[in-house]
Amino acid sequence: MGKIAFVFSGQGAQKAGMGREFYETSESVKELFARAEELRPGTLQQCFEGTDEELKITENTQPCLYLADIAAAMALQEVGVTPEAVAGFSLGEIPALAFAGAYSPLDGFRLACARGMAMGKAAKANPASMVAVMKLENSVVEALSEKYPHVFPVNYNAPGQLVVAGKKEELDVFGKDIKEAGGRCMPVAVGGGFHSPFMDEASKEFAAAAKEVKIKLPQLTVYSNYTTKPYTEDVLDLMEKQINHSLRWQESIENMAADGFDIFIEVGVGTTLKKLISRILPDSKVYAVSNMEEARRVAEEVR
């Protein structure tokens, strides 16, 4: 048996109904959701019945996805699966840190709300989009992006997939360059140019809000998107920098593999991270849990 890691879904995976089964099955999840609803009325309606447009709004996406992510992890632990480390993709790092004990699950919800508000505000002030560039080497995408003052490589997801953020008018022309180079662009379902200089003010605003929450070194190892290594004492500093700096997911997963992790379980919504990790580490065992049936099946396989 290898070492197990939970990886928490990121923004873009959201969909109506997320977290509902865990809410209906687990008393601890139901209690967390109820307290979250008290803090932010309307959250459960958005999680369970929100439209695609409603859930794409960053201020809504992040609190809802936070709950779905941590609910999946809590439910999986309740059926007997406990990880030795965790990581989260972008927003997913907030529930990962909560699950690891850096702060309480309810404080994690507060942080997700603050992060969503700050990033949504920055997105309105600095309109931008994100596209995933497929089938090209990172160096080619980086070189092409340098031609444009407002296009930035941001999410280093997996071999042959690098997400860029940019102003729409520049991304349209950039997309033609990508096509001519033999690649293709796919829109990412988010509401701004995340993990780029477009988010500088959001990073500062989030850090100020987060000082209201008691944050400590996590009890469980958490791999940082920003450093690609385990979190150290200065947790808030890394959380702040993650917002407006590139997210290096591929390198993070490779570092986890080098540290002995070969069983990865995506907790939250969908299979995006499962697919990415399967491309990064073809020999690893990768699962995804977004409902109770999947949780029980994965528990049987890895317990």
C-alpha atoms as a PDB file:
ATOM      1  CA  MET A   1       0.000   0.000   0.000  1.00  0.00           C
ATOM      2  CA  GLY A   2       1.365   3.391  -1.016  1.00  0.00           C
ATOM      3  CA  LYS A   3       0.842   6.773   0.596  1.00  0.00           C
ATOM      4  CA  ILE A   4      -2.547   8.436   0.172  1.00  0.00           C
ATOM      5  CA  ALA A   5      -3.108  12.100  -0.617  1.00  0.00           C
ATOM      6  CA  PHE A   6      -6.378  14.010  -0.939  1.00  0.00           C
ATOM      7  CA  VAL A   7      -6.452  16.699  -3.631  1.00  0.00           C
ATOM      8  CA  PHE A   8      -9.214  19.318  -3.455  1.00  0.00           C
ATOM      9  CA  SER A   9     -11.049  20.476  -6.593  1.00  0.00           C
ATOM     10  CA  GLY A  10     -10.571  24.003  -7.896  1.00  0.00           C
ATOM     11  CA  GLN A  11     -12.723  26.683  -9.465  1.00  0.00           C
ATOM     12  CA  GLY A  12     -14.195  25.709 -12.813  1.00  0.00           C
ATOM     13  CA  ALA A  13     -15.433  22.349 -11.513  1.00  0.00           C
ATOM     14  CA  GLN A  14     -18.547  23.813  -9.855  1.00  0.00           C
ATOM     15  CA  LYS A  15     -22.028  22.547 -10.746  1.00  0.00           C
ATOM     16  CA  ALA A  16     -25.504  22.485  -9.264  1.00  0.00           C
ATOM     17  CA  GLY A  17     -26.042  19.726  -6.715  1.00  0.00           C
ATOM     18  CA  MET A  18     -22.470  19.739  -5.442  1.00  0.00           C
ATOM     19  CA  GLY A  19     -22.170  18.552  -1.876  1.00  0.00           C
ATOM     20  CA  ARG A  20     -25.858  17.604  -1.551  1.00  0.00           C
ATOM     21  CA  GLU A  21     -25.321  13.869  -0.949  1.00  0.00           C
ATOM     22  CA  PHE A  22     -22.758  14.500   1.765  1.00  0.00           C
ATOM     23  CA  TYR A  23     -25.095  17.040   3.366  1.00  0.00           C
ATOM     24  CA  GLU A  24     -27.913  14.495   3.383  1.00  0.00           C
ATOM     25  CA  THR A  25     -25.730  11.636   4.664  1.00  0.00           C
ATOM     26  CA  SER A  26     -23.235  13.043   7.174  1.00  0.00           C
ATOM     27  CA  GLU A  27     -24.313  14.810  10.365  1.00  0.00           C
ATOM     28  CA  SER A  28     -20.976  16.622  10.658  1.00  0.00           C
ATOM     29  CA  VAL A  29     -21.278  17.898   7.087  1.00  0.00           C
ATOM     30  CA  LYS A  30     -24.894  18.955   7.681  1.00  0.00           C
ATOM     31  CA  GLU A  31     -23.853  20.906  10.773  1.00  0.00           C
ATOM     32  CA  LEU A  32     -21.058  22.687   8.897  1.00  0.00           C
ATOM     33  CA  PHE A  33     -23.377  23.572   6.012  1.00  0.00           C
ATOM     34  CA  ALA A  34     -26.016  24.874   8.439  1.00  0.00           C
ATOM     35  CA  ARG A  35     -23.510  27.149  10.162  1.00  0.00           C
ATOM     36  CA  ALA A  36     -22.195  28.316   6.795  1.00  0.00           C
ATOM     37  CA  GLU A  37     -25.751  29.135   5.729  1.00  0.00           C
ATOM     38  CA  GLU A  38     -26.157  31.282   8.858  1.00  0.00           C
ATOM     39  CA  LEU A  39     -23.022  33.235   7.940  1.00  0.00           C
ATOM     40  CA  ARG A  40     -23.925  33.572   4.254  1.00  0.00           C
ATOM     41  CA  PRO A  41     -27.670  33.064   3.625  1.00  0.00           C
ATOM     42  CA  GLY A  42     -28.427  31.556   0.216  1.00  0.00           C
ATOM     43  CA  THR A  43     -25.267  29.453   0.003  1.00  0.00           C
ATOM     44  CA  LEU A  44     -27.054  26.086   0.144  1.00  0.00           C
ATOM     45  CA  GLN A  45     -29.510  27.114  -2.574  1.00  0.00           C
ATOM     46  CA  GLN A  46     -26.563  28.048  -4.772  1.00  0.00           C
ATOM     47  CA  CYS A  47     -24.757  24.767  -4.040  1.00  0.00           C
ATOM     48  CA  PHE A  48     -27.754  22.571  -4.686  1.00  0.00           C
ATOM     49  CA  GLU A  49     -29.790  24.470  -7.301  1.00  0.00           C
ATOM     50  CA  GLY A  50     -27.657  27.316  -8.665  1.00  0.00           C
ATOM     51  CA  THR A  51     -27.597  28.054 -12.390  1.00  0.00           C
ATOM     52  CA  ASP A  52     -24.357  27.836 -14.358  1.00  0.00           C
ATOM     53  CA  GLU A  53     -24.228  31.628 -14.606  1.00  0.00           C
ATOM     54  CA  GLU A  54     -24.870  32.068 -10.888  1.00  0.00           C
ATOM     55  CA  LEU A  55     -22.173  29.558  -9.970  1.00  0.00           C
ATOM     56  CA  LYS A  56     -19.649  31.103 -12.343  1.00  0.00           C
ATOM     57  CA  ILE A  57     -19.713  34.360 -10.332  1.00  0.00           C
ATOM     58  CA  THR A  58     -16.549  34.193  -8.232  1.00  0.00           C
ATOM     59  CA  GLU A  59     -18.214  35.516  -5.076  1.00  0.00           C
ATOM     60  CA  ASN A  60     -20.595  32.527  -5.274  1.00  0.00           C
ATOM     61  CA  THR A  61     -18.257  29.897  -6.691  1.00  0.00           C
ATOM     62  CA  GLN A  62     -15.655  29.943  -3.973  1.00  0.00           C
ATOM     63  CA  PRO A  63     -17.869  29.567  -0.856  1.00  0.00           C
ATOM     64  CA  CYS A  64     -19.955  26.867  -2.565  1.00  0.00           C
ATOM     65  CA  LEU A  65     -17.007  24.904  -3.908  1.00  0.00           C
ATOM     66  CA  TYR A  66     -15.280  25.159  -0.531  1.00  0.00           C
ATOM     67  CA  LEU A  67     -18.218  23.397   1.110  1.00  0.00           C
ATOM     68  CA  ALA A  68     -18.419  20.709  -1.577  1.00  0.00           C
ATOM     69  CA  ASP A  69     -14.689  20.023  -1.320  1.00  0.00           C
ATOM     70  CA  ILE A  70     -14.426  19.748   2.428  1.00  0.00           C
ATOM     71  CA  ALA A  71     -17.688  17.782   2.611  1.00  0.00           C
ATOM     72  CA  ALA A  72     -16.251  15.127   0.295  1.00  0.00           C
ATOM     73  CA  ALA A  73     -13.079  14.902   2.390  1.00  0.00           C
ATOM     74  CA  MET A  74     -15.035  14.666   5.655  1.00  0.00           C
ATOM     75  CA  ALA A  75     -17.317  11.966   4.252  1.00  0.00           C
ATOM     76  CA  LEU A  76     -14.396   9.971   2.892  1.00  0.00           C
ATOM     77  CA  GLN A  77     -12.666  10.115   6.252  1.00  0.00           C
ATOM     78  CA  GLU A  78     -15.877   8.956   7.932  1.00  0.00           C
ATOM     79  CA  VAL A  79     -15.898   5.811   5.764  1.00  0.00           C
ATOM     80  CA  GLY A  80     -12.347   4.995   6.775  1.00  0.00           C
ATOM     81  CA  VAL A  81      -9.913   6.763   4.442  1.00  0.00           C
ATOM     82  CA  THR A  82      -7.367   9.140   5.981  1.00  0.00           C
ATOM     83  CA  PRO A  83      -4.637  10.822   3.913  1.00  0.00           C
ATOM     84  CA  GLU A  84      -1.035  11.465   4.904  1.00  0.00           C
ATOM     85  CA  ALA A  85      -0.952  14.727   2.953  1.00  0.00           C
ATOM     86  CA  VAL A  86      -3.256  17.039   1.011  1.00  0.00           C
ATOM     87  CA  ALA A  87      -3.092  19.600  -1.759  1.00  0.00           C
ATOM     88  CA  GLY A  88      -5.681  21.853  -3.337  1.00  0.00           C
ATOM     89  CA  PHE A  89      -5.982  23.400  -6.767  1.00  0.00           C
ATOM     90  CA  SER A  90      -6.306  27.189  -6.402  1.00  0.00           C
ATOM     91  CA  LEU A  91      -9.448  27.672  -4.248  1.00  0.00           C
ATOM     92  CA  GLY A  92      -9.028  24.005  -3.289  1.00  0.00           C
ATOM     93  CA  GLU A  93      -6.080  24.965  -1.128  1.00  0.00           C
ATOM     94  CA  ILE A  94      -8.473  26.703   1.308  1.00  0.00           C
ATOM     95  CA  PRO A  95     -10.412  23.507   2.186  1.00  0.00           C
ATOM     96  CA  ALA A  96      -7.171  21.508   2.063  1.00  0.00           C
ATOM     97  CA  LEU A  97      -5.702  23.707   4.792  1.00  0.00           C
ATOM     98  CA  ALA A  98      -8.911  23.512   6.826  1.00  0.00           C
ATOM     99  CA  PHE A  99      -8.977  19.723   6.595  1.00  0.00           C
ATOM    100  CA  ALA A 100      -5.313  19.688   7.646  1.00  0.00           C
ATOM    101  CA  GLY A 101      -6.053  21.750  10.763  1.00  0.00           C
ATOM    102  CA  ALA A 102      -4.624  25.163   9.840  1.00  0.00           C
ATOM    103  CA  TYR A 103      -7.966  26.639  10.921  1.00  0.00           C
ATOM    104  CA  SER A 104     -11.464  25.373  11.660  1.00  0.00           C
ATOM    105  CA  PRO A 105     -13.778  24.255   8.832  1.00  0.00           C
ATOM    106  CA  LEU A 106     -16.097  27.187   9.556  1.00  0.00           C
ATOM    107  CA  ASP A 107     -13.195  29.652   9.517  1.00  0.00           C
ATOM    108  CA  GLY A 108     -12.200  28.086   6.213  1.00  0.00           C
ATOM    109  CA  PHE A 109     -15.646  28.985   4.897  1.00  0.00           C
ATOM    110  CA  ARG A 110     -15.097  32.554   6.105  1.00  0.00           C
ATOM    111  CA  LEU A 111     -11.781  32.617   4.228  1.00  0.00           C
ATOM    112  CA  ALA A 112     -13.384  31.226   1.074  1.00  0.00           C
ATOM    113  CA  CYS A 113     -16.013  33.976   1.244  1.00  0.00           C
ATOM    114  CA  ALA A 114     -13.345  36.653   1.735  1.00  0.00           C
ATOM    115  CA  ARG A 115     -11.217  35.227  -1.073  1.00  0.00           C
ATOM    116  CA  GLY A 116     -14.171  35.061  -3.450  1.00  0.00           C
ATOM    117  CA  MET A 117     -15.194  38.638  -2.635  1.00  0.00           C
ATOM    118  CA  ALA A 118     -11.670  39.980  -3.075  1.00  0.00           C
ATOM    119  CA  MET A 119     -11.040  38.127  -6.341  1.00  0.00           C
ATOM    120  CA  GLY A 120     -14.480  39.009  -7.713  1.00  0.00           C
ATOM    121  CA  LYS A 121     -13.879  42.685  -6.957  1.00  0.00           C
ATOM    122  CA  ALA A 122     -10.458  42.576  -8.639  1.00  0.00           C
ATOM    123  CA  ALA A 123     -11.949  40.793 -11.655  1.00  0.00           C
ATOM    124  CA  LYS A 124     -14.490  43.590 -12.119  1.00  0.00           C
ATOM    125  CA  ALA A 125     -11.773  46.254 -11.812  1.00  0.00           C
ATOM    126  CA  ASN A 126      -9.441  44.382 -14.194  1.00  0.00           C
ATOM    127  CA  PRO A 127     -11.601  42.426 -16.681  1.00  0.00           C
ATOM    128  CA  ALA A 128      -9.785  39.363 -17.986  1.00  0.00           C
ATOM    129  CA  SER A 129     -10.373  35.778 -19.055  1.00  0.00           C
ATOM    130  CA  MET A 130      -8.505  32.494 -18.880  1.00  0.00           C
ATOM    131  CA  VAL A 131      -7.884  29.871 -21.554  1.00  0.00           C
ATOM    132  CA  ALA A 132      -6.201  26.488 -21.357  1.00  0.00           C
ATOM    133  CA  VAL A 133      -3.579  26.046 -24.059  1.00  0.00           C
ATOM    134  CA  MET A 134      -3.308  22.453 -25.198  1.00  0.00           C
ATOM    135  CA  LYS A 135      -0.767  20.397 -27.180  1.00  0.00           C
ATOM    136  CA  LEU A 136       2.214  22.762 -26.894  1.00  0.00           C
ATOM    137  CA  GLU A 137       5.369  22.825 -24.792  1.00  0.00           C
ATOM    138  CA  ASN A 138       5.296  25.331 -21.935  1.00  0.00           C
ATOM    139  CA  SER A 139       8.273  27.181 -23.392  1.00  0.00           C
ATOM    140  CA  VAL A 140       6.359  27.837 -26.631  1.00  0.00           C
ATOM    141  CA  VAL A 141       3.323  29.177 -24.767  1.00  0.00           C
ATOM    142  CA  GLU A 142       5.542  31.337 -22.561  1.00  0.00           C
ATOM    143  CA  ALA A 143       7.345  32.789 -25.589  1.00  0.00           C
ATOM    144  CA  LEU A 144       4.090  33.593 -27.387  1.00  0.00           C
ATOM    145  CA  SER A 145       2.582  35.220 -24.289  1.00  0.00           C
ATOM    146  CA  GLU A 146       5.563  37.548 -23.992  1.00  0.00           C
ATOM    147  CA  LYS A 147       4.379  39.326 -27.160  1.00  0.00           C
ATOM    148  CA  TYR A 148       1.412  40.691 -25.237  1.00  0.00           C
ATOM    149  CA  PRO A 149       1.589  43.094 -22.265  1.00  0.00           C
ATOM    150  CA  HIS A 150      -1.510  41.644 -20.585  1.00  0.00           C
ATOM    151  CA  VAL A 151      -1.244  37.886 -21.207  1.00  0.00           C
ATOM    152  CA  PHE A 152       0.324  35.770 -18.459  1.00  0.00           C
ATOM    153  CA  PRO A 153       1.011  32.023 -18.084  1.00  0.00           C
ATOM    154  CA  VAL A 154      -0.697  31.154 -14.807  1.00  0.00           C
ATOM    155  CA  ASN A 155      -1.648  27.501 -14.272  1.00  0.00           C
ATOM    156  CA  TYR A 156       1.010  24.905 -15.075  1.00  0.00           C
ATOM    157  CA  ASN A 157      -1.451  22.017 -14.979  1.00  0.00           C
ATOM    158  CA  ALA A 158       0.090  19.001 -16.723  1.00  0.00           C
ATOM    159  CA  PRO A 159       2.241  18.075 -19.721  1.00  0.00           C
ATOM    160  CA  GLY A 160       0.734  19.824 -22.732  1.00  0.00           C
ATOM    161  CA  GLN A 161      -1.638  22.012 -20.718  1.00  0.00           C
ATOM    162  CA  LEU A 162      -0.809  25.530 -19.574  1.00  0.00           C
ATOM    163  CA  VAL A 163      -3.541  28.019 -18.670  1.00  0.00           C
ATOM    164  CA  VAL A 164      -3.021  31.684 -19.449  1.00  0.00           C
ATOM    165  CA  ALA A 165      -4.869  34.761 -18.197  1.00  0.00           C
ATOM    166  CA  GLY A 166      -5.266  37.895 -20.239  1.00  0.00           C
ATOM    167  CA  LYS A 167      -7.374  40.751 -21.495  1.00  0.00           C
ATOM    168  CA  LYS A 168      -9.952  39.449 -23.951  1.00  0.00           C
ATOM    169  CA  GLU A 169      -8.807  41.481 -26.932  1.00  0.00           C
ATOM    170  CA  GLU A 170      -5.225  40.262 -26.487  1.00  0.00           C
ATOM    171  CA  LEU A 171      -6.298  36.664 -25.859  1.00  0.00           C
ATOM    172  CA  ASP A 172      -8.227  36.643 -29.140  1.00  0.00           C
ATOM    173  CA  VAL A 173      -5.068  37.465 -31.095  1.00  0.00           C
ATOM    174  CA  PHE A 174      -2.948  35.226 -28.859  1.00  0.00           C
ATOM    175  CA  GLY A 175      -5.317  32.356 -29.707  1.00  0.00           C
ATOM    176  CA  LYS A 176      -4.489  32.765 -33.395  1.00  0.00           C
ATOM    177  CA  ASP A 177      -0.778  32.546 -32.576  1.00  0.00           C
ATOM    178  CA  ILE A 178      -1.423  29.350 -30.631  1.00  0.00           C
ATOM    179  CA  LYS A 179      -3.347  27.818 -33.529  1.00  0.00           C
ATOM    180  CA  GLU A 180      -0.564  28.674 -35.970  1.00  0.00           C
ATOM    181  CA  ALA A 181       1.932  27.001 -33.611  1.00  0.00           C
ATOM    182  CA  GLY A 182      -0.118  23.785 -33.633  1.00  0.00           C
ATOM    183  CA  GLY A 183      -1.971  24.210 -30.343  1.00  0.00           C
ATOM    184  CA  ARG A 184      -5.517  25.045 -29.369  1.00  0.00           C
ATOM    185  CA  CYS A 185      -7.214  27.147 -26.706  1.00  0.00           C
ATOM    186  CA  MET A 186     -10.146  26.163 -24.523  1.00  0.00           C
ATOM    187  CA  PRO A 187     -12.036  28.691 -22.350  1.00  0.00           C
ATOM    188  CA  VAL A 188     -11.864  28.132 -18.591  1.00  0.00           C
ATOM    189  CA  ALA A 189     -15.138  28.553 -16.656  1.00  0.00           C
ATOM    190  CA  VAL A 190     -13.997  31.236 -14.237  1.00  0.00           C
ATOM    191  CA  GLY A 191     -14.822  34.907 -13.863  1.00  0.00           C
ATOM    192  CA  GLY A 192     -11.438  36.622 -14.007  1.00  0.00           C
ATOM    193  CA  GLY A 193      -7.713  36.518 -14.692  1.00  0.00           C
ATOM    194  CA  PHE A 194      -6.663  34.592 -11.615  1.00  0.00           C
ATOM    195  CA  HIS A 195      -3.105  33.871 -10.421  1.00  0.00           C
ATOM    196  CA  SER A 196      -1.782  36.871 -12.326  1.00  0.00           C
ATOM    197  CA  PRO A 197      -1.027  40.571 -11.731  1.00  0.00           C
ATOM    198  CA  PHE A 198      -4.737  41.219 -12.348  1.00  0.00           C
ATOM    199  CA  MET A 199      -5.200  39.888  -8.802  1.00  0.00           C
ATOM    200  CA  ASP A 200      -2.642  42.046  -6.967  1.00  0.00           C
ATOM    201  CA  GLU A 201      -5.289  44.026  -5.076  1.00  0.00           C
ATOM    202  CA  ALA A 202      -7.234  40.844  -4.298  1.00  0.00           C
ATOM    203  CA  SER A 203      -4.146  39.345  -2.706  1.00  0.00           C
ATOM    204  CA  LYS A 204      -3.775  42.336  -0.392  1.00  0.00           C
ATOM    205  CA  GLU A 205      -7.484  42.497   0.425  1.00  0.00           C
ATOM    206  CA  PHE A 206      -7.646  38.776   1.223  1.00  0.00           C
ATOM    207  CA  ALA A 207      -4.590  38.985   3.485  1.00  0.00           C
ATOM    208  CA  ALA A 208      -6.185  41.835   5.449  1.00  0.00           C
ATOM    209  CA  ALA A 209      -9.453  39.913   5.900  1.00  0.00           C
ATOM    210  CA  ALA A 210      -7.629  36.696   6.815  1.00  0.00           C
ATOM    211  CA  LYS A 211      -5.958  38.371   9.775  1.00  0.00           C
ATOM    212  CA  GLU A 212      -9.336  38.100  11.527  1.00  0.00           C
ATOM    213  CA  VAL A 213      -8.990  34.302  11.476  1.00  0.00           C
ATOM    214  CA  LYS A 214      -6.709  32.266  13.718  1.00  0.00           C
ATOM    215  CA  ILE A 215      -4.341  30.486  11.330  1.00  0.00           C
ATOM    216  CA  LYS A 216      -1.639  28.034  12.415  1.00  0.00           C
ATOM    217  CA  LEU A 217       0.744  25.520  10.894  1.00  0.00           C
ATOM    218  CA  PRO A 218      -1.370  22.600   9.614  1.00  0.00           C
ATOM    219  CA  GLN A 219      -1.158  19.308  11.504  1.00  0.00           C
ATOM    220  CA  LEU A 220      -1.171  17.402   8.214  1.00  0.00           C
ATOM    221  CA  THR A 221       1.269  18.088   5.368  1.00  0.00           C
ATOM    222  CA  VAL A 222      -0.188  20.505   2.798  1.00  0.00           C
ATOM    223  CA  TYR A 223       1.617  21.080  -0.501  1.00  0.00           C
ATOM    224  CA  SER A 224       1.549  24.713  -1.645  1.00  0.00           C
ATOM    225  CA  ASN A 225       0.576  25.748  -5.178  1.00  0.00           C
ATOM    226  CA  TYR A 226       2.973  28.679  -4.886  1.00  0.00           C
ATOM    227  CA  THR A 227       6.127  26.894  -3.675  1.00  0.00           C
ATOM    228  CA  THR A 228       5.182  23.325  -4.780  1.00  0.00           C
ATOM    229  CA  LYS A 229       6.519  22.200  -1.368  1.00  0.00           C
ATOM    230  CA  PRO A 230       4.857  21.616   2.021  1.00  0.00           C
ATOM    231  CA  TYR A 231       3.526  24.648   3.847  1.00  0.00           C
ATOM    232  CA  THR A 232       5.839  26.161   6.450  1.00  0.00           C
ATOM    233  CA  GLU A 233       5.084  28.401   9.434  1.00  0.00           C
ATOM    234  CA  ASP A 234       4.104  31.471   7.400  1.00  0.00           C
ATOM    235  CA  VAL A 235       0.785  30.041   6.222  1.00  0.00           C
ATOM    236  CA  LEU A 236      -0.988  33.319   5.465  1.00  0.00           C
ATOM    237  CA  ASP A 237       1.918  34.615   3.382  1.00  0.00           C
ATOM    238  CA  LEU A 238       1.710  31.577   1.083  1.00  0.00           C
ATOM    239  CA  MET A 239      -2.089  31.815   0.876  1.00  0.00           C
ATOM    240  CA  GLU A 240      -1.788  35.480  -0.079  1.00  0.00           C
ATOM    241  CA  LYS A 241       0.872  34.913  -2.753  1.00  0.00           C
ATOM    242  CA  GLN A 242      -1.040  32.033  -4.304  1.00  0.00           C
ATOM    243  CA  ILE A 243      -3.750  34.467  -5.451  1.00  0.00           C
ATOM    244  CA  ASN A 244      -1.591  36.600  -7.754  1.00  0.00           C
ATOM    245  CA  HIS A 245       1.215  34.210  -8.718  1.00  0.00           C
ATOM    246  CA  SER A 246       1.399  31.244 -11.055  1.00  0.00           C
ATOM    247  CA  LEU A 247      -0.082  27.975  -9.852  1.00  0.00           C
ATOM    248  CA  ARG A 248       2.400  25.130 -10.455  1.00  0.00           C
ATOM    249  CA  TRP A 249       0.236  22.062 -10.129  1.00  0.00           C
ATOM    250  CA  GLN A 250       2.343  19.672 -12.191  1.00  0.00           C
ATOM    251  CA  GLU A 251       5.455  20.373 -10.147  1.00  0.00           C
ATOM    252  CA  SER A 252       3.498  20.056  -6.892  1.00  0.00           C
ATOM    253  CA  ILE A 253       2.246  16.596  -7.865  1.00  0.00           C
ATOM    254  CA  GLU A 254       5.708  15.531  -9.009  1.00  0.00           C
ATOM    255  CA  ASN A 255       7.110  16.604  -5.635  1.00  0.00           C
ATOM    256  CA  MET A 256       4.424  14.613  -3.848  1.00  0.00           C
ATOM    257  CA  ALA A 257       5.339  11.561  -5.921  1.00  0.00           C
ATOM    258  CA  ALA A 258       8.995  12.060  -5.049  1.00  0.00           C
ATOM    259  CA  ASP A 259       7.941  12.041  -1.384  1.00  0.00           C
ATOM    260  CA  GLY A 260       6.286   8.649  -1.816  1.00  0.00           C
ATOM    261  CA  PHE A 261       2.676   9.480  -2.659  1.00  0.00           C
ATOM    262  CA  ASP A 262       1.189   7.224  -5.311  1.00  0.00           C
ATOM    263  CA  ILE A 263      -2.529   7.175  -4.413  1.00  0.00           C
ATOM    264  CA  PHE A 264      -4.387  10.418  -5.097  1.00  0.00           C
ATOM    265  CA  ILE A 265      -8.060  10.996  -4.364  1.00  0.00           C
ATOM    266  CA  GLU A 266      -9.756  14.089  -5.775  1.00  0.00           C
ATOM    267  CA  VAL A 267     -12.346  15.319  -3.279  1.00  0.00           C
ATOM    268  CA  GLY A 268     -15.026  17.794  -4.262  1.00  0.00           C
ATOM    269  CA  VAL A 269     -16.541  18.073  -7.714  1.00  0.00           C
ATOM    270  CA  GLY A 270     -15.793  16.328 -10.992  1.00  0.00           C
ATOM    271  CA  THR A 271     -12.648  14.629 -12.261  1.00  0.00           C
ATOM    272  CA  THR A 272     -10.440  17.487 -13.495  1.00  0.00           C
ATOM    273  CA  LEU A 273      -7.611  16.839 -11.048  1.00  0.00           C
ATOM    274  CA  LYS A 274      -7.918  13.087 -11.502  1.00  0.00           C
ATOM    275  CA  LYS A 275      -7.315  13.539 -15.235  1.00  0.00           C
ATOM    276  CA  LEU A 276      -4.410  15.935 -14.720  1.00  0.00           C
ATOM    277  CA  ILE A 277      -2.659  13.661 -12.216  1.00  0.00           C
ATOM    278  CA  SER A 278      -3.142  10.641 -14.480  1.00  0.00           C
ATOM    279  CA  ARG A 279      -1.271  12.567 -17.172  1.00  0.00           C
ATOM    280  CA  ILE A 280       1.457  13.740 -14.798  1.00  0.00           C
ATOM    281  CA  LEU A 281       1.914  10.335 -13.112  1.00  0.00           C
ATOM    282  CA  PRO A 282       0.605   7.603 -15.422  1.00  0.00           C
ATOM    283  CA  ASP A 283       1.610   4.832 -12.989  1.00  0.00           C
ATOM    284  CA  SER A 284      -0.192   6.275  -9.961  1.00  0.00           C
ATOM    285  CA  LYS A 285      -3.628   5.264  -8.696  1.00  0.00           C
ATOM    286  CA  VAL A 286      -6.035   8.169  -8.996  1.00  0.00           C
ATOM    287  CA  TYR A 287      -9.655   8.377  -7.871  1.00  0.00           C
ATOM    288  CA  ALA A 288     -12.359  11.039  -7.618  1.00  0.00           C
ATOM    289  CA  VAL A 289     -15.040  11.361  -4.938  1.00  0.00           C
ATOM    290  CA  SER A 290     -18.005  13.686  -5.390  1.00  0.00           C
ATOM    291  CA  ASN A 291     -20.813  11.521  -3.968  1.00  0.00           C
ATOM    292  CA  MET A 292     -21.319   8.813  -1.344  1.00  0.00           C
ATOM    293  CA  GLU A 293     -21.282   5.917  -3.810  1.00  0.00           C
ATOM    294  CA  GLU A 294     -17.824   6.985  -4.992  1.00  0.00           C
ATOM    295  CA  ALA A 295     -16.672   7.497  -1.407  1.00  0.00           C
ATOM    296  CA  ARG A 296     -17.674   3.969  -0.399  1.00  0.00           C
ATOM    297  CA  ARG A 297     -16.192   2.409  -3.530  1.00  0.00           C
ATOM    298  CA  VAL A 298     -12.876   4.208  -3.134  1.00  0.00           C
ATOM    299  CA  ALA A 299     -12.766   3.270   0.563  1.00  0.00           C
ATOM    300  CA  GLU A 300     -13.134  -0.396  -0.340  1.00  0.00           C
ATOM    301  CA  GLU A 301     -10.303  -0.159  -2.866  1.00  0.00           C
ATOM    302  CA  VAL A 302      -7.737   1.735  -0.804  1.00  0.00           C
ATOM    303  CA  ARG A 303      -8.543   0.836   2.818  1.00  0.00           C
END
